[in-house]
């Protein structure tokens, strides 16, 4: 990659995209090279095309896309380096990552811990967008997605977590976290195909 995702904007203080909704794609640039990584990869592979299609639909109505990704403890990492590492021929996650590569128009945030908000510029970026609703996708449902959802909820952001666009190590953990987000965080957890493009384009505050 020669162009850093999100760098279509100049550095002279111009504002980023403006939209009431932002699509967050969490921890999908992943080599799955860790204990039980093969279990997570098995659950993750089916959601890759669904996330890609949701991203396509969101981008078509002007929703900015933010890759929120673990830095894997490498504090000097750049996102391009992490992508290159995950695309190595011997990387277990290559087939997954290839389906979800960021485009030049996308943004990215590297996070040191589970939440996309903890010690990252994500909150500031969303404020610049004028975000009132976030759509969370990615890995894993009962860990980084759940914690990020909780932090978003505490910031008064409306939540959509399409249950077919997130995955955990097993179905039990996935289902438990989905129910938690639905009941405790008032998240809309309908499958992505049940969400009409008009709903993506239009924001309706919850009563």
N, C-alpha and C. Protein backbone atom coordinates (compact mmCIF):
# COMPACT_ATOMS: atom_id res chain seq x y z
N UNK A 1 0.85 -1.20 0.00
CA UNK A 1 0.00 0.00 0.00
C UNK A 1 0.88 1.24 0.00
N UNK A 2 0.61 2.13 -0.90
CA UNK A 2 1.41 3.35 -0.97
C UNK A 2 0.70 4.52 -0.34
N UNK A 3 -0.61 4.41 -0.18
CA UNK A 3 -1.38 5.50 0.39
C UNK A 3 -2.01 5.04 1.68
N UNK A 4 -1.81 5.81 2.73
CA UNK A 4 -2.37 5.45 4.02
C UNK A 4 -3.88 5.63 4.00
N UNK A 5 -4.65 4.62 4.49
CA UNK A 5 -6.11 4.76 4.50
C UNK A 5 -6.55 6.05 5.17
N UNK A 6 -7.48 6.74 4.55
CA UNK A 6 -8.01 7.96 5.13
C UNK A 6 -7.25 9.21 4.73
N UNK A 7 -6.17 9.08 3.94
CA UNK A 7 -5.35 10.24 3.64
C UNK A 7 -5.76 10.96 2.37
N UNK A 8 -7.04 10.89 2.04
CA UNK A 8 -7.50 11.72 0.92
C UNK A 8 -7.57 13.17 1.35
N UNK A 9 -7.59 13.44 2.67
CA UNK A 9 -7.69 14.80 3.18
C UNK A 9 -6.29 15.39 3.33
N UNK A 10 -6.16 16.66 3.11
CA UNK A 10 -4.89 17.32 3.31
C UNK A 10 -4.68 17.53 4.80
N UNK A 11 -3.49 17.98 5.15
CA UNK A 11 -3.14 18.18 6.56
C UNK A 11 -3.21 19.65 6.95
N UNK A 12 -4.07 20.42 6.27
CA UNK A 12 -4.15 21.85 6.56
C UNK A 12 -5.32 22.18 7.46
N UNK A 13 -5.83 21.18 8.17
CA UNK A 13 -6.90 21.45 9.12
C UNK A 13 -8.28 21.18 8.58
N UNK A 14 -8.40 20.68 7.35
CA UNK A 14 -9.72 20.40 6.80
C UNK A 14 -10.37 19.27 7.58
N UNK A 15 -11.69 19.34 7.72
CA UNK A 15 -12.42 18.36 8.51
C UNK A 15 -12.56 17.06 7.74
N UNK A 16 -12.66 15.93 8.44
CA UNK A 16 -12.92 14.66 7.77
C UNK A 16 -14.38 14.58 7.34
N UNK A 17 -14.80 13.40 6.93
CA UNK A 17 -16.18 13.20 6.50
C UNK A 17 -17.16 13.63 7.59
N UNK A 18 -18.35 13.99 7.16
CA UNK A 18 -19.41 14.37 8.09
C UNK A 18 -20.60 13.46 7.86
N UNK A 19 -21.03 12.76 8.90
CA UNK A 19 -22.18 11.87 8.78
C UNK A 19 -22.67 11.50 10.17
N UNK A 20 -23.98 11.24 10.27
CA UNK A 20 -24.56 10.87 11.57
C UNK A 20 -24.19 9.45 12.00
N UNK A 21 -23.70 8.63 11.05
CA UNK A 21 -23.39 7.23 11.32
C UNK A 21 -21.95 6.93 10.91
N UNK A 22 -21.29 6.08 11.68
CA UNK A 22 -19.96 5.60 11.31
C UNK A 22 -19.94 4.08 11.42
N UNK A 23 -19.29 3.43 10.48
CA UNK A 23 -19.11 1.99 10.50
C UNK A 23 -17.74 1.67 11.06
N UNK A 24 -17.72 0.93 12.18
CA UNK A 24 -16.46 0.51 12.80
C UNK A 24 -16.20 -0.95 12.47
N UNK A 25 -15.03 -1.25 11.95
CA UNK A 25 -14.64 -2.62 11.61
C UNK A 25 -13.49 -2.99 12.55
N UNK A 26 -13.79 -3.88 13.49
CA UNK A 26 -12.92 -4.10 14.64
C UNK A 26 -12.07 -5.36 14.49
N UNK A 27 -10.75 -5.20 14.56
CA UNK A 27 -9.78 -6.30 14.65
C UNK A 27 -9.87 -7.32 13.53
N UNK A 28 -10.22 -6.87 12.32
CA UNK A 28 -10.30 -7.83 11.22
C UNK A 28 -8.95 -7.99 10.52
N UNK A 29 -8.04 -7.06 10.71
CA UNK A 29 -6.68 -7.24 10.17
C UNK A 29 -5.93 -8.05 11.22
N UNK A 30 -5.92 -9.36 11.02
CA UNK A 30 -5.60 -10.30 12.07
C UNK A 30 -4.95 -11.53 11.45
N UNK A 31 -3.83 -11.97 12.03
CA UNK A 31 -3.20 -13.17 11.48
C UNK A 31 -3.68 -14.46 12.15
N UNK A 32 -4.48 -14.33 13.23
CA UNK A 32 -5.03 -15.48 13.95
C UNK A 32 -3.94 -16.43 14.44
N UNK A 33 -2.75 -15.91 14.59
CA UNK A 33 -1.62 -16.73 15.01
C UNK A 33 -1.43 -16.63 16.52
N UNK A 34 -2.39 -17.20 17.24
CA UNK A 34 -2.36 -17.18 18.70
C UNK A 34 -3.15 -18.39 19.19
N UNK A 35 -3.03 -18.72 20.48
CA UNK A 35 -3.77 -19.88 20.99
C UNK A 35 -5.26 -19.78 20.69
N UNK A 36 -5.82 -20.83 20.15
CA UNK A 36 -7.22 -20.93 19.77
C UNK A 36 -7.57 -20.03 18.57
N UNK A 37 -6.54 -19.49 17.94
CA UNK A 37 -6.78 -18.64 16.78
C UNK A 37 -7.52 -19.38 15.67
N UNK A 38 -7.23 -20.68 15.53
CA UNK A 38 -7.92 -21.46 14.50
C UNK A 38 -9.42 -21.56 14.77
N UNK A 39 -9.80 -21.59 16.07
CA UNK A 39 -11.22 -21.64 16.43
C UNK A 39 -11.92 -20.34 16.05
N UNK A 40 -11.26 -19.22 16.33
CA UNK A 40 -11.85 -17.93 15.99
C UNK A 40 -11.92 -17.76 14.48
N UNK A 41 -10.88 -18.18 13.78
CA UNK A 41 -10.86 -18.06 12.32
C UNK A 41 -12.01 -18.84 11.69
N UNK A 42 -12.29 -20.03 12.22
CA UNK A 42 -13.39 -20.84 11.69
C UNK A 42 -14.72 -20.11 11.79
N UNK A 43 -14.93 -19.40 12.91
CA UNK A 43 -16.16 -18.63 13.09
C UNK A 43 -16.14 -17.33 12.29
N UNK A 44 -14.93 -16.79 12.05
CA UNK A 44 -14.80 -15.48 11.41
C UNK A 44 -14.98 -15.54 9.89
N UNK A 45 -14.51 -16.60 9.27
CA UNK A 45 -14.54 -16.66 7.81
C UNK A 45 -15.93 -16.41 7.21
N UNK A 46 -17.00 -16.96 7.79
CA UNK A 46 -18.32 -16.71 7.18
C UNK A 46 -18.79 -15.26 7.27
N UNK A 47 -18.25 -14.48 8.23
CA UNK A 47 -18.74 -13.10 8.36
C UNK A 47 -18.00 -12.14 7.44
N UNK A 48 -16.87 -12.56 6.88
CA UNK A 48 -16.08 -11.63 6.05
C UNK A 48 -16.87 -11.09 4.87
N UNK A 49 -17.52 -11.92 4.07
CA UNK A 49 -18.28 -11.36 2.94
C UNK A 49 -19.46 -10.50 3.38
N UNK A 50 -20.02 -10.79 4.54
CA UNK A 50 -21.14 -9.98 5.04
C UNK A 50 -20.67 -8.60 5.47
N UNK A 51 -19.52 -8.55 6.13
CA UNK A 51 -18.96 -7.24 6.48
C UNK A 51 -18.61 -6.46 5.22
N UNK A 52 -18.01 -7.14 4.26
CA UNK A 52 -17.62 -6.47 3.01
C UNK A 52 -18.84 -5.89 2.30
N UNK A 53 -19.93 -6.64 2.28
CA UNK A 53 -21.15 -6.14 1.63
C UNK A 53 -21.76 -4.98 2.42
N UNK A 54 -21.75 -5.08 3.74
CA UNK A 54 -22.27 -3.98 4.56
C UNK A 54 -21.42 -2.73 4.37
N UNK A 55 -20.11 -2.92 4.29
CA UNK A 55 -19.23 -1.78 4.05
C UNK A 55 -19.54 -1.13 2.71
N UNK A 56 -19.77 -1.95 1.68
CA UNK A 56 -20.10 -1.42 0.36
C UNK A 56 -21.37 -0.59 0.42
N UNK A 57 -22.39 -1.12 1.09
CA UNK A 57 -23.67 -0.42 1.19
C UNK A 57 -23.54 0.86 2.02
N UNK A 58 -22.78 0.79 3.10
CA UNK A 58 -22.60 1.98 3.94
C UNK A 58 -21.85 3.07 3.18
N UNK A 59 -20.81 2.68 2.49
CA UNK A 59 -20.03 3.67 1.73
C UNK A 59 -20.87 4.32 0.64
N UNK A 60 -21.81 3.56 0.07
CA UNK A 60 -22.65 4.08 -1.00
C UNK A 60 -23.56 5.20 -0.54
N UNK A 61 -23.87 5.23 0.77
CA UNK A 61 -24.72 6.31 1.29
C UNK A 61 -23.90 7.32 2.10
N UNK A 62 -22.58 7.27 1.94
CA UNK A 62 -21.73 8.30 2.54
C UNK A 62 -21.27 8.05 3.95
N UNK A 63 -21.49 6.85 4.48
CA UNK A 63 -21.07 6.56 5.85
C UNK A 63 -19.57 6.32 5.90
N UNK A 64 -18.83 7.04 6.75
CA UNK A 64 -17.39 6.80 6.85
C UNK A 64 -17.09 5.46 7.52
N UNK A 65 -16.02 4.84 7.08
CA UNK A 65 -15.61 3.53 7.59
C UNK A 65 -14.31 3.69 8.37
N UNK A 66 -14.30 3.15 9.60
CA UNK A 66 -13.13 3.25 10.46
C UNK A 66 -12.68 1.85 10.84
N UNK A 67 -11.48 1.48 10.47
CA UNK A 67 -10.87 0.24 10.93
C UNK A 67 -10.28 0.50 12.31
N UNK A 68 -10.79 -0.23 13.29
CA UNK A 68 -10.32 -0.10 14.67
C UNK A 68 -9.59 -1.40 14.98
N UNK A 69 -8.28 -1.33 15.06
CA UNK A 69 -7.50 -2.57 15.07
C UNK A 69 -6.47 -2.61 16.19
N UNK A 70 -6.31 -3.81 16.72
CA UNK A 70 -5.28 -4.03 17.74
C UNK A 70 -3.91 -3.75 17.17
N UNK A 71 -3.03 -3.20 18.02
CA UNK A 71 -1.66 -2.97 17.56
C UNK A 71 -0.75 -4.16 17.85
N UNK A 72 -1.30 -5.25 18.41
CA UNK A 72 -0.57 -6.47 18.71
C UNK A 72 0.65 -6.22 19.59
N UNK A 73 0.55 -5.19 20.45
CA UNK A 73 1.64 -4.89 21.36
C UNK A 73 2.85 -4.26 20.71
N UNK A 74 2.73 -3.92 19.43
CA UNK A 74 3.86 -3.31 18.72
C UNK A 74 3.62 -1.81 18.64
N UNK A 75 4.19 -1.11 19.57
CA UNK A 75 3.88 0.31 19.72
C UNK A 75 4.42 1.16 18.58
N UNK A 76 5.35 0.63 17.81
CA UNK A 76 5.86 1.38 16.67
C UNK A 76 5.22 0.94 15.36
N UNK A 77 4.18 0.11 15.47
CA UNK A 77 3.53 -0.41 14.27
C UNK A 77 2.82 0.69 13.49
N UNK A 78 2.78 0.50 12.19
CA UNK A 78 1.93 1.29 11.32
C UNK A 78 0.92 0.33 10.72
N UNK A 79 -0.24 0.86 10.38
CA UNK A 79 -1.32 -0.02 9.92
C UNK A 79 -0.89 -0.79 8.68
N UNK A 80 -0.16 -0.14 7.77
CA UNK A 80 0.29 -0.82 6.56
C UNK A 80 1.17 -2.02 6.89
N UNK A 81 1.98 -1.90 7.94
CA UNK A 81 2.85 -3.00 8.32
C UNK A 81 2.04 -4.17 8.87
N UNK A 82 1.00 -3.86 9.64
CA UNK A 82 0.16 -4.92 10.19
C UNK A 82 -0.57 -5.64 9.06
N UNK A 83 -1.07 -4.87 8.09
CA UNK A 83 -1.74 -5.48 6.94
C UNK A 83 -0.79 -6.40 6.19
N UNK A 84 0.43 -5.91 5.93
CA UNK A 84 1.41 -6.71 5.19
C UNK A 84 1.73 -8.01 5.94
N UNK A 85 1.84 -7.93 7.24
CA UNK A 85 2.13 -9.11 8.06
C UNK A 85 1.01 -10.14 7.93
N UNK A 86 -0.22 -9.67 7.94
CA UNK A 86 -1.37 -10.58 7.88
C UNK A 86 -1.61 -11.14 6.48
N UNK A 87 -1.02 -10.52 5.47
CA UNK A 87 -1.17 -10.99 4.10
C UNK A 87 -0.04 -11.90 3.65
N UNK A 88 0.90 -12.20 4.55
CA UNK A 88 1.97 -13.13 4.20
C UNK A 88 1.37 -14.48 3.79
N UNK A 89 2.02 -15.15 2.88
CA UNK A 89 1.49 -16.42 2.36
C UNK A 89 1.26 -17.43 3.47
N UNK A 90 2.12 -17.40 4.51
CA UNK A 90 2.01 -18.36 5.59
C UNK A 90 1.09 -17.91 6.72
N UNK A 91 0.50 -16.72 6.61
CA UNK A 91 -0.39 -16.22 7.66
C UNK A 91 -1.70 -16.99 7.66
N UNK A 92 -2.12 -17.55 8.80
CA UNK A 92 -3.40 -18.29 8.85
C UNK A 92 -4.59 -17.43 8.47
N UNK A 93 -4.52 -16.12 8.73
CA UNK A 93 -5.66 -15.25 8.49
C UNK A 93 -5.72 -14.61 7.12
N UNK A 94 -4.81 -14.99 6.25
CA UNK A 94 -4.72 -14.30 4.95
C UNK A 94 -6.04 -14.32 4.18
N UNK A 95 -6.69 -15.47 4.09
CA UNK A 95 -7.94 -15.57 3.32
C UNK A 95 -9.03 -14.70 3.89
N UNK A 96 -9.01 -14.50 5.20
CA UNK A 96 -9.99 -13.64 5.85
C UNK A 96 -9.68 -12.17 5.58
N UNK A 97 -8.44 -11.78 5.79
CA UNK A 97 -8.03 -10.38 5.66
C UNK A 97 -8.18 -9.89 4.23
N UNK A 98 -7.88 -10.75 3.26
CA UNK A 98 -7.96 -10.35 1.86
C UNK A 98 -9.36 -9.87 1.47
N UNK A 99 -10.37 -10.35 2.16
CA UNK A 99 -11.74 -9.95 1.83
C UNK A 99 -12.13 -8.61 2.44
N UNK A 100 -11.29 -8.09 3.36
CA UNK A 100 -11.68 -6.91 4.13
C UNK A 100 -10.61 -5.83 4.14
N UNK A 101 -9.85 -5.74 3.08
CA UNK A 101 -8.79 -4.74 3.03
C UNK A 101 -9.36 -3.33 2.99
N UNK A 102 -8.74 -2.40 3.72
CA UNK A 102 -9.21 -1.01 3.69
C UNK A 102 -8.92 -0.34 2.35
N UNK A 103 -9.77 0.63 2.03
CA UNK A 103 -9.54 1.44 0.84
C UNK A 103 -8.91 2.76 1.22
N UNK A 104 -8.51 3.51 0.21
CA UNK A 104 -7.84 4.79 0.45
C UNK A 104 -8.74 5.78 1.16
N UNK A 105 -10.06 5.61 1.02
CA UNK A 105 -10.99 6.55 1.63
C UNK A 105 -11.28 6.22 3.09
N UNK A 106 -10.81 5.08 3.57
CA UNK A 106 -11.14 4.64 4.92
C UNK A 106 -10.19 5.23 5.95
N UNK A 107 -10.65 5.22 7.19
CA UNK A 107 -9.87 5.69 8.33
C UNK A 107 -9.40 4.50 9.14
N UNK A 108 -8.41 4.70 10.00
CA UNK A 108 -8.02 3.64 10.90
C UNK A 108 -7.57 4.20 12.24
N UNK A 109 -7.77 3.39 13.26
CA UNK A 109 -7.35 3.70 14.63
C UNK A 109 -6.69 2.45 15.19
N UNK A 110 -5.48 2.57 15.68
CA UNK A 110 -4.82 1.45 16.34
C UNK A 110 -5.06 1.55 17.84
N UNK A 111 -5.46 0.43 18.45
CA UNK A 111 -5.80 0.43 19.87
C UNK A 111 -4.86 -0.50 20.64
N UNK A 112 -4.51 -0.12 21.89
CA UNK A 112 -3.62 -0.97 22.68
C UNK A 112 -4.35 -2.00 23.53
N UNK A 113 -5.64 -1.80 23.74
CA UNK A 113 -6.42 -2.69 24.59
C UNK A 113 -7.72 -3.07 23.89
N UNK A 114 -8.66 -3.64 24.64
CA UNK A 114 -9.87 -4.19 24.03
C UNK A 114 -10.76 -3.12 23.40
N UNK A 115 -11.01 -2.04 24.12
CA UNK A 115 -11.95 -1.03 23.62
C UNK A 115 -11.32 -0.16 22.54
N UNK A 116 -12.12 0.13 21.52
CA UNK A 116 -11.66 1.04 20.49
C UNK A 116 -11.51 2.47 20.98
N UNK A 117 -12.10 2.77 22.14
CA UNK A 117 -12.05 4.13 22.69
C UNK A 117 -10.89 4.35 23.66
N UNK A 118 -10.36 3.29 24.24
CA UNK A 118 -9.36 3.44 25.30
C UNK A 118 -8.02 3.88 24.73
N UNK A 119 -7.60 5.10 25.13
CA UNK A 119 -6.30 5.65 24.74
C UNK A 119 -6.12 5.68 23.21
N UNK A 120 -7.21 6.02 22.50
CA UNK A 120 -7.13 6.18 21.05
C UNK A 120 -7.84 7.48 20.66
N UNK A 121 -7.65 7.94 19.42
CA UNK A 121 -8.35 9.16 18.96
C UNK A 121 -9.75 8.89 18.44
N UNK A 122 -10.31 7.70 18.67
CA UNK A 122 -11.60 7.36 18.07
C UNK A 122 -12.70 8.33 18.48
N UNK A 123 -12.78 8.67 19.75
CA UNK A 123 -13.85 9.57 20.20
C UNK A 123 -13.75 10.92 19.50
N UNK A 124 -12.55 11.44 19.37
CA UNK A 124 -12.35 12.73 18.70
C UNK A 124 -12.72 12.63 17.23
N UNK A 125 -12.34 11.54 16.59
CA UNK A 125 -12.68 11.35 15.18
C UNK A 125 -14.19 11.31 14.98
N UNK A 126 -14.90 10.59 15.84
CA UNK A 126 -16.35 10.50 15.72
C UNK A 126 -17.01 11.86 15.96
N UNK A 127 -16.45 12.65 16.85
CA UNK A 127 -16.98 13.99 17.08
C UNK A 127 -16.82 14.84 15.83
N UNK A 128 -15.70 14.70 15.14
CA UNK A 128 -15.50 15.43 13.89
C UNK A 128 -16.51 15.00 12.83
N UNK A 129 -16.84 13.72 12.80
CA UNK A 129 -17.85 13.24 11.86
C UNK A 129 -19.24 13.78 12.20
N UNK A 130 -19.46 14.07 13.48
CA UNK A 130 -20.81 14.38 13.94
C UNK A 130 -21.61 13.12 14.20
N UNK A 131 -20.92 12.05 14.58
CA UNK A 131 -21.54 10.73 14.73
C UNK A 131 -22.54 10.69 15.87
N UNK A 132 -23.69 10.14 15.57
CA UNK A 132 -24.71 9.87 16.59
C UNK A 132 -25.01 8.38 16.70
N UNK A 133 -24.61 7.63 15.71
CA UNK A 133 -24.85 6.18 15.69
C UNK A 133 -23.62 5.48 15.14
N UNK A 134 -23.25 4.37 15.78
CA UNK A 134 -22.14 3.56 15.29
C UNK A 134 -22.64 2.16 14.95
N UNK A 135 -22.10 1.61 13.88
CA UNK A 135 -22.36 0.23 13.49
C UNK A 135 -21.09 -0.55 13.78
N UNK A 136 -21.17 -1.53 14.66
CA UNK A 136 -20.00 -2.30 15.05
C UNK A 136 -19.98 -3.64 14.34
N UNK A 137 -18.83 -3.97 13.76
CA UNK A 137 -18.63 -5.26 13.11
C UNK A 137 -17.25 -5.78 13.50
N UNK A 138 -17.01 -7.08 13.30
CA UNK A 138 -15.67 -7.60 13.50
C UNK A 138 -15.54 -8.60 14.63
N UNK A 139 -14.40 -8.55 15.31
CA UNK A 139 -13.99 -9.57 16.27
C UNK A 139 -13.56 -8.96 17.60
N UNK A 140 -13.76 -9.69 18.68
CA UNK A 140 -14.71 -10.78 18.76
C UNK A 140 -15.93 -10.30 19.55
N UNK A 141 -17.05 -10.97 19.32
CA UNK A 141 -18.33 -10.48 19.82
C UNK A 141 -18.32 -10.22 21.32
N UNK A 142 -17.77 -11.17 22.08
CA UNK A 142 -17.84 -11.09 23.54
C UNK A 142 -16.62 -10.44 24.16
N UNK A 143 -15.76 -9.86 23.35
CA UNK A 143 -14.56 -9.22 23.88
C UNK A 143 -14.46 -7.79 23.34
N UNK A 144 -13.70 -7.57 22.30
CA UNK A 144 -13.44 -6.21 21.83
C UNK A 144 -14.70 -5.53 21.29
N UNK A 145 -15.58 -6.28 20.64
CA UNK A 145 -16.82 -5.68 20.15
C UNK A 145 -17.70 -5.26 21.32
N UNK A 146 -17.86 -6.15 22.30
CA UNK A 146 -18.70 -5.86 23.46
C UNK A 146 -18.16 -4.69 24.27
N UNK A 147 -16.87 -4.66 24.51
CA UNK A 147 -16.29 -3.57 25.31
C UNK A 147 -16.38 -2.24 24.57
N UNK A 148 -16.15 -2.26 23.26
CA UNK A 148 -16.28 -1.04 22.46
C UNK A 148 -17.73 -0.57 22.45
N UNK A 149 -18.66 -1.51 22.36
CA UNK A 149 -20.09 -1.16 22.40
C UNK A 149 -20.45 -0.51 23.72
N UNK A 150 -19.94 -1.05 24.80
CA UNK A 150 -20.22 -0.48 26.12
C UNK A 150 -19.70 0.95 26.22
N UNK A 151 -18.49 1.18 25.74
CA UNK A 151 -17.91 2.53 25.78
C UNK A 151 -18.67 3.48 24.86
N UNK A 152 -19.15 2.98 23.72
CA UNK A 152 -19.95 3.82 22.83
C UNK A 152 -21.27 4.20 23.48
N UNK A 153 -21.88 3.24 24.14
CA UNK A 153 -23.16 3.49 24.83
C UNK A 153 -23.00 4.54 25.92
N UNK A 154 -21.89 4.47 26.66
CA UNK A 154 -21.64 5.45 27.71
C UNK A 154 -21.41 6.85 27.15
N UNK A 155 -21.11 6.92 25.86
CA UNK A 155 -20.93 8.21 25.19
C UNK A 155 -22.19 8.64 24.44
N UNK A 156 -23.30 7.99 24.78
CA UNK A 156 -24.62 8.33 24.22
C UNK A 156 -24.71 8.12 22.72
N UNK A 157 -23.97 7.17 22.22
CA UNK A 157 -24.07 6.82 20.81
C UNK A 157 -25.06 5.68 20.63
N UNK A 158 -25.90 5.78 19.63
CA UNK A 158 -26.83 4.71 19.32
C UNK A 158 -26.06 3.58 18.65
N UNK A 159 -26.46 2.34 18.96
CA UNK A 159 -25.69 1.18 18.53
C UNK A 159 -26.44 0.29 17.55
N UNK A 160 -25.73 -0.10 16.51
CA UNK A 160 -26.16 -1.21 15.66
C UNK A 160 -25.03 -2.23 15.67
N UNK A 161 -25.36 -3.49 15.97
CA UNK A 161 -24.37 -4.56 15.96
C UNK A 161 -24.97 -5.73 15.17
N UNK A 162 -24.89 -5.70 13.85
CA UNK A 162 -25.48 -6.78 13.06
C UNK A 162 -24.89 -8.13 13.46
N UNK A 163 -25.74 -9.02 13.94
CA UNK A 163 -25.24 -10.25 14.55
C UNK A 163 -24.54 -11.18 13.57
N UNK A 164 -24.75 -10.98 12.26
CA UNK A 164 -24.06 -11.80 11.27
C UNK A 164 -22.77 -11.16 10.78
N UNK A 165 -22.38 -10.04 11.40
CA UNK A 165 -21.14 -9.35 11.03
C UNK A 165 -20.14 -9.32 12.18
N UNK A 166 -20.39 -10.10 13.21
CA UNK A 166 -19.46 -10.24 14.33
C UNK A 166 -19.32 -11.72 14.64
N UNK A 167 -18.20 -12.11 15.27
CA UNK A 167 -17.98 -13.52 15.58
C UNK A 167 -17.15 -13.63 16.85
N UNK A 168 -17.32 -14.77 17.53
CA UNK A 168 -16.55 -15.10 18.73
C UNK A 168 -15.96 -16.50 18.55
N UNK A 169 -15.29 -17.00 19.58
CA UNK A 169 -14.66 -18.32 19.48
C UNK A 169 -15.68 -19.44 19.31
N UNK A 170 -16.88 -19.23 19.82
CA UNK A 170 -17.92 -20.25 19.67
C UNK A 170 -19.27 -19.57 19.70
N UNK A 171 -20.29 -20.31 19.30
CA UNK A 171 -21.63 -19.74 19.17
C UNK A 171 -22.21 -19.33 20.52
N UNK A 172 -21.91 -20.08 21.56
CA UNK A 172 -22.45 -19.76 22.88
C UNK A 172 -21.99 -18.38 23.34
N UNK A 173 -20.68 -18.13 23.24
CA UNK A 173 -20.16 -16.82 23.65
C UNK A 173 -20.71 -15.70 22.78
N UNK A 174 -20.83 -15.98 21.50
CA UNK A 174 -21.39 -15.00 20.56
C UNK A 174 -22.82 -14.63 20.94
N UNK A 175 -23.64 -15.65 21.13
CA UNK A 175 -25.06 -15.41 21.44
C UNK A 175 -25.23 -14.68 22.76
N UNK A 176 -24.41 -15.03 23.76
CA UNK A 176 -24.50 -14.37 25.06
C UNK A 176 -24.20 -12.88 24.93
N UNK A 177 -23.13 -12.55 24.20
CA UNK A 177 -22.75 -11.15 24.04
C UNK A 177 -23.78 -10.37 23.24
N UNK A 178 -24.32 -10.98 22.19
CA UNK A 178 -25.36 -10.32 21.40
C UNK A 178 -26.55 -9.98 22.28
N UNK A 179 -26.97 -10.92 23.11
CA UNK A 179 -28.12 -10.67 23.99
C UNK A 179 -27.80 -9.58 25.01
N UNK A 180 -26.57 -9.55 25.51
CA UNK A 180 -26.16 -8.49 26.44
C UNK A 180 -26.26 -7.12 25.78
N UNK A 181 -25.76 -7.01 24.56
CA UNK A 181 -25.79 -5.72 23.87
C UNK A 181 -27.21 -5.30 23.54
N UNK A 182 -28.04 -6.28 23.19
CA UNK A 182 -29.43 -5.98 22.88
C UNK A 182 -30.18 -5.49 24.11
N UNK A 183 -30.03 -6.19 25.22
CA UNK A 183 -30.80 -5.88 26.42
C UNK A 183 -30.21 -4.71 27.21
N UNK A 184 -28.91 -4.71 27.41
CA UNK A 184 -28.27 -3.73 28.30
C UNK A 184 -27.87 -2.44 27.59
N UNK A 185 -27.52 -2.54 26.31
CA UNK A 185 -27.01 -1.37 25.58
C UNK A 185 -27.98 -0.88 24.52
N UNK A 186 -29.17 -1.52 24.46
CA UNK A 186 -30.22 -1.12 23.51
C UNK A 186 -29.74 -1.18 22.06
N UNK A 187 -28.88 -2.13 21.77
CA UNK A 187 -28.33 -2.25 20.42
C UNK A 187 -29.33 -2.91 19.47
N UNK A 188 -29.34 -2.44 18.25
CA UNK A 188 -30.07 -3.08 17.17
C UNK A 188 -29.17 -4.20 16.64
N UNK A 189 -29.57 -5.46 16.84
CA UNK A 189 -28.71 -6.58 16.50
C UNK A 189 -29.26 -7.39 15.31
N UNK A 190 -30.14 -6.80 14.53
CA UNK A 190 -30.66 -7.50 13.36
C UNK A 190 -29.54 -7.88 12.40
N UNK A 191 -29.69 -9.00 11.69
CA UNK A 191 -28.70 -9.34 10.66
C UNK A 191 -28.58 -8.22 9.63
N UNK A 192 -27.42 -8.13 9.02
CA UNK A 192 -27.14 -7.02 8.11
C UNK A 192 -28.13 -6.96 6.94
N UNK A 193 -28.54 -8.11 6.42
CA UNK A 193 -29.46 -8.11 5.28
C UNK A 193 -30.86 -7.65 5.65
N UNK A 194 -31.15 -7.61 6.95
CA UNK A 194 -32.45 -7.12 7.40
C UNK A 194 -32.46 -5.60 7.56
N UNK A 195 -31.32 -4.98 7.39
CA UNK A 195 -31.20 -3.52 7.52
C UNK A 195 -31.27 -2.91 6.12
N UNK A 196 -32.32 -2.18 5.86
CA UNK A 196 -32.49 -1.56 4.55
C UNK A 196 -31.47 -0.43 4.35
N UNK A 197 -31.10 -0.21 3.10
CA UNK A 197 -30.16 0.87 2.80
C UNK A 197 -30.71 2.22 3.25
N UNK A 198 -32.04 2.38 3.19
CA UNK A 198 -32.65 3.62 3.64
C UNK A 198 -32.43 3.83 5.14
N UNK A 199 -32.39 2.75 5.90
CA UNK A 199 -32.13 2.85 7.34
C UNK A 199 -30.70 3.25 7.61
N UNK A 200 -29.79 2.82 6.76
CA UNK A 200 -28.40 3.24 6.91
C UNK A 200 -28.26 4.73 6.62
N UNK A 201 -28.96 5.18 5.61
CA UNK A 201 -28.85 6.56 5.18
C UNK A 201 -29.52 7.53 6.14
N UNK A 202 -30.58 7.07 6.85
CA UNK A 202 -31.35 7.94 7.72
C UNK A 202 -31.19 7.53 9.18
N UNK A 203 -30.98 8.49 10.03
CA UNK A 203 -30.81 8.22 11.46
C UNK A 203 -32.06 8.61 12.21
N UNK A 204 -32.59 7.65 12.99
CA UNK A 204 -33.76 7.90 13.83
C UNK A 204 -33.37 7.73 15.28
N UNK A 205 -33.28 8.81 16.06
CA UNK A 205 -32.93 8.69 17.48
C UNK A 205 -33.88 7.76 18.20
N UNK A 206 -33.35 6.99 19.13
CA UNK A 206 -34.19 6.11 19.92
C UNK A 206 -35.00 6.93 20.92
N UNK A 207 -36.22 6.48 21.17
CA UNK A 207 -37.08 7.19 22.11
C UNK A 207 -36.72 6.82 23.54
